[in-house]
PDB file of N, CA and C in Angstrom:
ATOM      1  N   MET A   1     111.287 137.315  79.959  1.00  0.00           N
ATOM      2  CA  MET A   1     111.161 136.854  78.600  1.00  0.00           C
ATOM      3  C   MET A   1     109.897 135.999  78.489  1.00  0.00           C
ATOM      4  N   ASN A   2     109.138 136.211  77.426  1.00  0.00           N
ATOM      5  CA  ASN A   2     107.915 135.470  77.187  1.00  0.00           C
ATOM      6  C   ASN A   2     108.114 134.590  75.964  1.00  0.00           C
ATOM      7  N   VAL A   3     107.876 133.284  76.083  1.00  0.00           N
ATOM      8  CA  VAL A   3     108.060 132.342  74.980  1.00  0.00           C
ATOM      9  C   VAL A   3     106.700 131.803  74.563  1.00  0.00           C
ATOM     10  N   LYS A   4     106.370 131.959  73.273  1.00  0.00           N
ATOM     11  CA  LYS A   4     105.120 131.432  72.735  1.00  0.00           C
ATOM     12  C   LYS A   4     105.465 130.342  71.734  1.00  0.00           C
ATOM     13  N   PRO A   5     105.173 129.077  72.062  1.00  0.00           N
ATOM     14  CA  PRO A   5     105.508 127.981  71.157  1.00  0.00           C
ATOM     15  C   PRO A   5     104.652 128.013  69.890  1.00  0.00           C
ATOM     16  N   LEU A   6     105.196 127.484  68.813  1.00  0.00           N
ATOM     17  CA  LEU A   6     104.501 127.433  67.538  1.00  0.00           C
ATOM     18  C   LEU A   6     103.999 126.021  67.254  1.00  0.00           C
ATOM     19  N   ALA A   7     103.034 125.916  66.364  1.00  0.00           N
ATOM     20  CA  ALA A   7     102.482 124.648  65.880  1.00  0.00           C
ATOM     21  C   ALA A   7     102.100 123.720  67.025  1.00  0.00           C
ATOM     22  N   ASP A   8     102.650 122.497  67.031  1.00  0.00           N
ATOM     23  CA  ASP A   8     102.269 121.499  68.044  1.00  0.00           C
ATOM     24  C   ASP A   8     103.279 121.412  69.177  1.00  0.00           C
ATOM     25  N   ARG A   9     103.890 122.530  69.523  1.00  0.00           N
ATOM     26  CA  ARG A   9     104.902 122.565  70.590  1.00  0.00           C
ATOM     27  C   ARG A   9     104.278 122.989  71.919  1.00  0.00           C
ATOM     28  N   VAL A  10     104.897 122.505  73.007  1.00  0.00           N
ATOM     29  CA  VAL A  10     104.446 122.797  74.365  1.00  0.00           C
ATOM     30  C   VAL A  10     105.678 123.135  75.196  1.00  0.00           C
ATOM     31  N   VAL A  11     105.613 124.184  76.032  1.00  0.00           N
ATOM     32  CA  VAL A  11     106.711 124.534  76.932  1.00  0.00           C
ATOM     33  C   VAL A  11     106.389 123.962  78.305  1.00  0.00           C
ATOM     34  N   VAL A  12     107.361 123.222  78.866  1.00  0.00           N
ATOM     35  CA  VAL A  12     107.176 122.543  80.150  1.00  0.00           C
ATOM     36  C   VAL A  12     108.301 122.942  81.095  1.00  0.00           C
ATOM     37  N   LYS A  13     107.945 123.337  82.319  1.00  0.00           N
ATOM     38  CA  LYS A  13     108.940 123.612  83.355  1.00  0.00           C
ATOM     39  C   LYS A  13     109.182 122.308  84.090  1.00  0.00           C
ATOM     40  N   GLN A  14     110.422 121.836  84.081  1.00  0.00           N
ATOM     41  CA  GLN A  14     110.754 120.558  84.691  1.00  0.00           C
ATOM     42  C   GLN A  14     110.754 120.635  86.207  1.00  0.00           C
ATOM     43  N   GLU A  15     110.282 119.546  86.833  1.00  0.00           N
ATOM     44  CA  GLU A  15     110.354 119.429  88.285  1.00  0.00           C
ATOM     45  C   GLU A  15     111.634 118.711  88.651  1.00  0.00           C
ATOM     46  N   LYS A  16     112.260 119.133  89.710  1.00  0.00           N
ATOM     47  CA  LYS A  16     113.467 118.467  90.188  1.00  0.00           C
ATOM     48  C   LYS A  16     113.066 117.194  90.907  1.00  0.00           C
ATOM     49  N   SER A  17     113.799 116.112  90.637  1.00  0.00           N
ATOM     50  CA  SER A  17     113.453 114.837  91.267  1.00  0.00           C
ATOM     51  C   SER A  17     114.711 114.106  91.718  1.00  0.00           C
ATOM     52  N   GLU A  18     115.398 114.702  92.669  1.00  0.00           N
ATOM     53  CA  GLU A  18     116.597 114.058  93.197  1.00  0.00           C
ATOM     54  C   GLU A  18     116.195 112.876  94.072  1.00  0.00           C
ATOM     55  N   ALA A  19     116.886 111.784  93.897  1.00  0.00           N
ATOM     56  CA  ALA A  19     116.638 110.589  94.708  1.00  0.00           C
ATOM     57  C   ALA A  19     117.793 110.432  95.688  1.00  0.00           C
ATOM     58  N   LYS A  20     117.492 109.865  96.823  1.00  0.00           N
ATOM     59  CA  LYS A  20     118.506 109.675  97.858  1.00  0.00           C
ATOM     60  C   LYS A  20     118.560 108.191  98.202  1.00  0.00           C
ATOM     61  N   THR A  21     119.760 107.630  98.195  1.00  0.00           N
ATOM     62  CA  THR A  21     119.922 106.214  98.551  1.00  0.00           C
ATOM     63  C   THR A  21     119.839 106.057 100.058  1.00  0.00           C
ATOM     64  N   SER A  22     119.738 104.792 100.498  1.00  0.00           N
ATOM     65  CA  SER A  22     119.657 104.531 101.937  1.00  0.00           C
ATOM     66  C   SER A  22     120.941 104.953 102.654  1.00  0.00           C
ATOM     67  N   GLY A  23     122.071 105.023 101.922  1.00  0.00           N
ATOM     68  CA  GLY A  23     123.342 105.447 102.502  1.00  0.00           C
ATOM     69  C   GLY A  23     123.518 106.953 102.515  1.00  0.00           C
ATOM     70  N   GLY A  24     122.527 107.693 101.975  1.00  0.00           N
ATOM     71  CA  GLY A  24     122.589 109.145 101.992  1.00  0.00           C
ATOM     72  C   GLY A  24     123.173 109.780 100.741  1.00  0.00           C
ATOM     73  N   ILE A  25     123.469 108.973  99.721  1.00  0.00           N
ATOM     74  CA  ILE A  25     124.018 109.515  98.474  1.00  0.00           C
ATOM     75  C   ILE A  25     122.867 110.062  97.641  1.00  0.00           C
ATOM     76  N   ILE A  26     123.009 111.311  97.179  1.00  0.00           N
ATOM     77  CA  ILE A  26     121.978 111.942  96.353  1.00  0.00           C
ATOM     78  C   ILE A  26     122.278 111.655  94.884  1.00  0.00           C
ATOM     79  N   ILE A  27     121.277 111.122  94.188  1.00  0.00           N
ATOM     80  CA  ILE A  27     121.403 110.842  92.752  1.00  0.00           C
ATOM     81  C   ILE A  27     120.669 111.953  92.007  1.00  0.00           C
ATOM     82  N   PRO A  28     121.383 112.807  91.262  1.00  0.00           N
ATOM     83  CA  PRO A  28     120.727 113.898  90.530  1.00  0.00           C
ATOM     84  C   PRO A  28     119.870 113.375  89.387  1.00  0.00           C
ATOM     85  N   ASP A  29     118.885 114.198  88.923  1.00  0.00           N
ATOM     86  CA  ASP A  29     117.996 113.738  87.873  1.00  0.00           C
ATOM     87  C   ASP A  29     118.743 113.434  86.579  1.00  0.00           C
ATOM     88  N   THR A  30     119.914 114.028  86.352  1.00  0.00           N
ATOM     89  CA  THR A  30     120.659 113.747  85.130  1.00  0.00           C
ATOM     90  C   THR A  30     121.154 112.311  85.089  1.00  0.00           C
ATOM     91  N   ALA A  31     121.291 111.661  86.227  1.00  0.00           N
ATOM     92  CA  ALA A  31     121.772 110.284  86.280  1.00  0.00           C
ATOM     93  C   ALA A  31     120.633 109.273  86.395  1.00  0.00           C
ATOM     94  N   GLN A  32     119.413 109.739  86.535  1.00  0.00           N
ATOM     95  CA  GLN A  32     118.284 108.835  86.695  1.00  0.00           C
ATOM     96  C   GLN A  32     117.705 108.465  85.337  1.00  0.00           C
ATOM     97  N   GLU A  33     117.388 107.207  85.158  1.00  0.00           N
ATOM     98  CA  GLU A  33     116.782 106.719  83.924  1.00  0.00           C
ATOM     99  C   GLU A  33     115.296 106.486  84.175  1.00  0.00           C
ATOM    100  N   LYS A  34     114.526 107.546  84.131  1.00  0.00           N
ATOM    101  CA  LYS A  34     113.095 107.380  84.318  1.00  0.00           C
ATOM    102  C   LYS A  34     112.359 108.514  83.611  1.00  0.00           C
ATOM    103  N   THR A  35     111.058 108.363  83.531  1.00  0.00           N
ATOM    104  CA  THR A  35     110.220 109.363  82.893  1.00  0.00           C
ATOM    105  C   THR A  35     110.278 110.659  83.689  1.00  0.00           C
ATOM    106  N   GLN A  36     110.279 111.766  83.011  1.00  0.00           N
ATOM    107  CA  GLN A  36     110.372 113.074  83.638  1.00  0.00           C
ATOM    108  C   GLN A  36     108.985 113.689  83.820  1.00  0.00           C
ATOM    109  N   ILE A  37     108.865 114.554  84.812  1.00  0.00           N
ATOM    110  CA  ILE A  37     107.601 115.223  85.121  1.00  0.00           C
ATOM    111  C   ILE A  37     107.822 116.724  85.078  1.00  0.00           C
ATOM    112  N   GLY A  38     106.817 117.443  84.562  1.00  0.00           N
ATOM    113  CA  GLY A  38     106.901 118.891  84.508  1.00  0.00           C
ATOM    114  C   GLY A  38     105.522 119.505  84.447  1.00  0.00           C
ATOM    115  N   VAL A  39     105.494 120.836  84.522  1.00  0.00           N
ATOM    116  CA  VAL A  39     104.243 121.587  84.475  1.00  0.00           C
ATOM    117  C   VAL A  39     104.216 122.402  83.189  1.00  0.00           C
ATOM    118  N   VAL A  40     103.111 122.335  82.459  1.00  0.00           N
ATOM    119  CA  VAL A  40     102.956 123.054  81.201  1.00  0.00           C
ATOM    120  C   VAL A  40     102.859 124.554  81.501  1.00  0.00           C
ATOM    121  N   THR A  41     103.718 125.347  80.839  1.00  0.00           N
ATOM    122  CA  THR A  41     103.697 126.800  81.046  1.00  0.00           C
ATOM    123  C   THR A  41     103.191 127.560  79.820  1.00  0.00           C
ATOM    124  N   ALA A  42     103.224 126.922  78.635  1.00  0.00           N
ATOM    125  CA  ALA A  42     102.709 127.555  77.422  1.00  0.00           C
ATOM    126  C   ALA A  42     102.423 126.478  76.384  1.00  0.00           C
ATOM    127  N   VAL A  43     101.423 126.720  75.531  1.00  0.00           N
ATOM    128  CA  VAL A  43     101.082 125.774  74.476  1.00  0.00           C
ATOM    129  C   VAL A  43     100.939 126.507  73.145  1.00  0.00           C
ATOM    130  N   GLY A  44     101.266 125.798  72.069  1.00  0.00           N
ATOM    131  CA  GLY A  44     101.085 126.343  70.732  1.00  0.00           C
ATOM    132  C   GLY A  44      99.645 126.131  70.276  1.00  0.00           C
ATOM    133  N   PRO A  45      99.304 126.637  69.082  1.00  0.00           N
ATOM    134  CA  PRO A  45      97.937 126.520  68.590  1.00  0.00           C
ATOM    135  C   PRO A  45      97.576 125.133  68.058  1.00  0.00           C
ATOM    136  N   GLY A  46      98.585 124.276  67.827  1.00  0.00           N
ATOM    137  CA  GLY A  46      98.328 122.953  67.264  1.00  0.00           C
ATOM    138  C   GLY A  46      98.305 123.025  65.740  1.00  0.00           C
ATOM    139  N   THR A  47      98.157 121.869  65.113  1.00  0.00           N
ATOM    140  CA  THR A  47      98.064 121.783  63.654  1.00  0.00           C
ATOM    141  C   THR A  47      96.851 120.927  63.310  1.00  0.00           C
ATOM    142  N   GLU A  48      96.561 120.799  62.024  1.00  0.00           N
ATOM    143  CA  GLU A  48      95.435 119.961  61.617  1.00  0.00           C
ATOM    144  C   GLU A  48      95.683 118.507  61.985  1.00  0.00           C
ATOM    145  N   LYS A  49      96.933 118.051  61.882  1.00  0.00           N
ATOM    146  CA  LYS A  49      97.270 116.663  62.183  1.00  0.00           C
ATOM    147  C   LYS A  49      97.481 116.417  63.671  1.00  0.00           C
ATOM    148  N   GLU A  50      98.030 117.389  64.391  1.00  0.00           N
ATOM    149  CA  GLU A  50      98.375 117.215  65.808  1.00  0.00           C
ATOM    150  C   GLU A  50      97.672 118.282  66.647  1.00  0.00           C
ATOM    151  N   LYS A  51      96.610 117.886  67.328  1.00  0.00           N
ATOM    152  CA  LYS A  51      95.859 118.794  68.192  1.00  0.00           C
ATOM    153  C   LYS A  51      96.542 118.887  69.555  1.00  0.00           C
ATOM    154  N   ILE A  52      96.442 120.041  70.189  1.00  0.00           N
ATOM    155  CA  ILE A  52      96.977 120.228  71.537  1.00  0.00           C
ATOM    156  C   ILE A  52      95.921 119.754  72.534  1.00  0.00           C
ATOM    157  N   THR A  53      96.284 118.773  73.358  1.00  0.00           N
ATOM    158  CA  THR A  53      95.331 118.196  74.299  1.00  0.00           C
ATOM    159  C   THR A  53      95.688 118.487  75.756  1.00  0.00           C
ATOM    160  N   VAL A  54      96.674 119.342  75.982  1.00  0.00           N
ATOM    161  CA  VAL A  54      97.028 119.750  77.341  1.00  0.00           C
ATOM    162  C   VAL A  54      96.829 121.253  77.449  1.00  0.00           C
ATOM    163  N   SER A  55      96.746 121.736  78.684  1.00  0.00           N
ATOM    164  CA  SER A  55      96.581 123.176  78.886  1.00  0.00           C
ATOM    165  C   SER A  55      97.582 123.664  79.927  1.00  0.00           C
ATOM    166  N   VAL A  56      97.757 124.962  79.974  1.00  0.00           N
ATOM    167  CA  VAL A  56      98.698 125.581  80.907  1.00  0.00           C
ATOM    168  C   VAL A  56      98.318 125.215  82.340  1.00  0.00           C
ATOM    169  N   GLY A  57      99.327 124.822  83.129  1.00  0.00           N
ATOM    170  CA  GLY A  57      99.108 124.470  84.526  1.00  0.00           C
ATOM    171  C   GLY A  57      98.987 122.980  84.782  1.00  0.00           C
ATOM    172  N   GLN A  58      98.802 122.178  83.738  1.00  0.00           N
ATOM    173  CA  GLN A  58      98.689 120.739  83.930  1.00  0.00           C
ATOM    174  C   GLN A  58     100.059 120.115  84.154  1.00  0.00           C
ATOM    175  N   LYS A  59     100.109 119.081  84.999  1.00  0.00           N
ATOM    176  CA  LYS A  59     101.335 118.331  85.254  1.00  0.00           C
ATOM    177  C   LYS A  59     101.365 117.174  84.269  1.00  0.00           C
ATOM    178  N   VAL A  60     102.482 117.030  83.548  1.00  0.00           N
ATOM    179  CA  VAL A  60     102.589 116.011  82.510  1.00  0.00           C
ATOM    180  C   VAL A  60     103.852 115.172  82.675  1.00  0.00           C
ATOM    181  N   MET A  61     103.845 113.993  82.056  1.00  0.00           N
ATOM    182  CA  MET A  61     105.015 113.113  82.000  1.00  0.00           C
ATOM    183  C   MET A  61     105.537 113.119  80.569  1.00  0.00           C
ATOM    184  N   HIS A  62     106.862 113.116  80.424  1.00  0.00           N
ATOM    185  CA  HIS A  62     107.475 113.065  79.098  1.00  0.00           C
ATOM    186  C   HIS A  62     108.749 112.241  79.175  1.00  0.00           C
ATOM    187  N   ASP A  63     109.218 111.773  78.014  1.00  0.00           N
ATOM    188  CA  ASP A  63     110.451 110.993  77.976  1.00  0.00           C
ATOM    189  C   ASP A  63     111.640 111.837  78.382  1.00  0.00           C
ATOM    190  N   LYS A  64     112.664 111.186  78.935  1.00  0.00           N
ATOM    191  CA  LYS A  64     113.840 111.877  79.453  1.00  0.00           C
ATOM    192  C   LYS A  64     114.573 112.689  78.393  1.00  0.00           C
ATOM    193  N   TYR A  65     114.732 112.161  77.199  1.00  0.00           N
ATOM    194  CA  TYR A  65     115.545 112.828  76.182  1.00  0.00           C
ATOM    195  C   TYR A  65     114.720 113.597  75.147  1.00  0.00           C
ATOM    196  N   ALA A  66     113.462 113.827  75.414  1.00  0.00           N
ATOM    197  CA  ALA A  66     112.596 114.541  74.483  1.00  0.00           C
ATOM    198  C   ALA A  66     112.780 116.047  74.619  1.00  0.00           C
ATOM    199  N   GLY A  67     112.560 116.766  73.538  1.00  0.00           N
ATOM    200  CA  GLY A  67     112.515 118.219  73.563  1.00  0.00           C
ATOM    201  C   GLY A  67     113.849 118.927  73.516  1.00  0.00           C
ATOM    202  N   THR A  68     113.759 120.250  73.571  1.00  0.00           N
ATOM    203  CA  THR A  68     114.916 121.132  73.536  1.00  0.00           C
ATOM    204  C   THR A  68     114.931 121.967  74.807  1.00  0.00           C
ATOM    205  N   GLN A  69     116.066 121.967  75.514  1.00  0.00           N
ATOM    206  CA  GLN A  69     116.163 122.737  76.755  1.00  0.00           C
ATOM    207  C   GLN A  69     116.377 124.214  76.456  1.00  0.00           C
ATOM    208  N   VAL A  70     115.657 125.067  77.190  1.00  0.00           N
ATOM    209  CA  VAL A  70     115.828 126.516  77.100  1.00  0.00           C
ATOM    210  C   VAL A  70     115.751 127.098  78.506  1.00  0.00           C
ATOM    211  N   LYS A  71     116.413 128.245  78.705  1.00  0.00           N
ATOM    212  CA  LYS A  71     116.315 128.964  79.976  1.00  0.00           C
ATOM    213  C   LYS A  71     115.371 130.138  79.778  1.00  0.00           C
ATOM    214  N   ILE A  72     114.343 130.194  80.622  1.00  0.00           N
ATOM    215  CA  ILE A  72     113.383 131.287  80.581  1.00  0.00           C
ATOM    216  C   ILE A  72     113.394 131.932  81.954  1.00  0.00           C
ATOM    217  N   ASN A  73     113.786 133.186  82.016  1.00  0.00           N
ATOM    218  CA  ASN A  73     113.883 133.917  83.277  1.00  0.00           C
ATOM    219  C   ASN A  73     114.743 133.167  84.302  1.00  0.00           C
ATOM    220  N   GLY A  74     115.827 132.555  83.828  1.00  0.00           N
ATOM    221  CA  GLY A  74     116.771 131.878  84.697  1.00  0.00           C
ATOM    222  C   GLY A  74     116.364 130.480  85.126  1.00  0.00           C
ATOM    223  N   GLU A  75     115.233 129.970  84.646  1.00  0.00           N
ATOM    224  CA  GLU A  75     114.765 128.630  85.018  1.00  0.00           C
ATOM    225  C   GLU A  75     114.763 127.719  83.800  1.00  0.00           C
ATOM    226  N   GLU A  76     115.099 126.432  84.031  1.00  0.00           N
ATOM    227  CA  GLU A  76     115.150 125.451  82.946  1.00  0.00           C
ATOM    228  C   GLU A  76     113.746 125.047  82.502  1.00  0.00           C
ATOM    229  N   HIS A  77     113.522 125.080  81.200  1.00  0.00           N
ATOM    230  CA  HIS A  77     112.274 124.628  80.597  1.00  0.00           C
ATOM    231  C   HIS A  77     112.607 123.727  79.409  1.00  0.00           C
ATOM    232  N   LEU A  78     111.616 122.985  78.957  1.00  0.00           N
ATOM    233  CA  LEU A  78     111.746 122.168  77.753  1.00  0.00           C
ATOM    234  C   LEU A  78     110.687 122.591  76.757  1.00  0.00           C
ATOM    235  N   VAL A  79     111.054 122.629  75.472  1.00  0.00           N
ATOM    236  CA  VAL A  79     110.087 122.818  74.411  1.00  0.00           C
ATOM    237  C   VAL A  79     109.895 121.437  73.787  1.00  0.00           C
ATOM    238  N   LEU A  80     108.701 120.878  73.957  1.00  0.00           N
ATOM    239  CA  LEU A  80     108.389 119.524  73.514  1.00  0.00           C
ATOM    240  C   LEU A  80     107.383 119.542  72.379  1.00  0.00           C
ATOM    241  N   LYS A  81     107.403 118.503  71.554  1.00  0.00           N
ATOM    242  CA  LYS A  81     106.316 118.277  70.618  1.00  0.00           C
ATOM    243  C   LYS A  81     105.190 117.625  71.404  1.00  0.00           C
ATOM    244  N   MET A  82     103.964 117.862  70.988  1.00  0.00           N
ATOM    245  CA  MET A  82     102.815 117.285  71.688  1.00  0.00           C
ATOM    246  C   MET A  82     102.921 115.765  71.760  1.00  0.00           C
ATOM    247  N   GLN A  83     103.458 115.126  70.724  1.00  0.00           N
ATOM    248  CA  GLN A  83     103.564 113.662  70.705  1.00  0.00           C
ATOM    249  C   GLN A  83     104.578 113.129  71.722  1.00  0.00           C
ATOM    250  N   ASP A  84     105.472 113.984  72.243  1.00  0.00           N
ATOM    251  CA  ASP A  84     106.446 113.554  73.243  1.00  0.00           C
ATOM    252  C   ASP A  84     105.857 113.481  74.653  1.00  0.00           C
ATOM    253  N   ILE A  85     104.671 114.023  74.838  1.00  0.00           N
ATOM    254  CA  ILE A  85     104.022 113.971  76.147  1.00  0.00           C
ATOM    255  C   ILE A  85     103.316 112.622  76.281  1.00  0.00           C
ATOM    256  N   ILE A  86     103.651 111.901  77.352  1.00  0.00           N
ATOM    257  CA  ILE A  86     103.155 110.538  77.561  1.00  0.00           C
ATOM    258  C   ILE A  86     101.799 110.536  78.267  1.00  0.00           C
ATOM    259  N   ALA A  87     101.663 111.390  79.312  1.00  0.00           N
ATOM    260  CA  ALA A  87     100.445 111.344  80.119  1.00  0.00           C
ATOM    261  C   ALA A  87     100.267 112.647  80.881  1.00  0.00           C
ATOM    262  N   VAL A  88      99.038 112.874  81.321  1.00  0.00           N
ATOM    263  CA  VAL A  88      98.703 113.994  82.193  1.00  0.00           C
ATOM    264  C   VAL A  88      98.521 113.421  83.601  1.00  0.00           C
ATOM    265  N   ILE A  89      99.120 114.053  84.590  1.00  0.00           N
ATOM    266  CA  ILE A  89      99.013 113.608  85.983  1.00  0.00           C
ATOM    267  C   ILE A  89      97.947 114.447  86.680  1.00  0.00           C
ATOM    268  N   GLU A  90      96.971 113.772  87.263  1.00  0.00           N
ATOM    269  CA  GLU A  90      95.899 114.487  87.950  1.00  0.00           C
ATOM    270  C   GLU A  90      95.979 114.306  89.448  1.00  0.00           C
TER     271      GLU A  90
END
């Protein structure tokens, strides 16, 4: 399945970030309260008010509860507004 975002939307594939305590307990990302990281897989054309400033393949940070979750080819992705992206990781 191919997803092409519209307007100022960006599709991001989330990275898994499980944390492990010193006692060996694994804390899944759903229980972690921190900024999320993902890789941009598709971008929309942007609008006059909101320009797209990221490109496919860039690693970005976004808020935990931002966007809409979708499954693309069996993998979890998020469809975010450009304004929900906090930073680009280089």
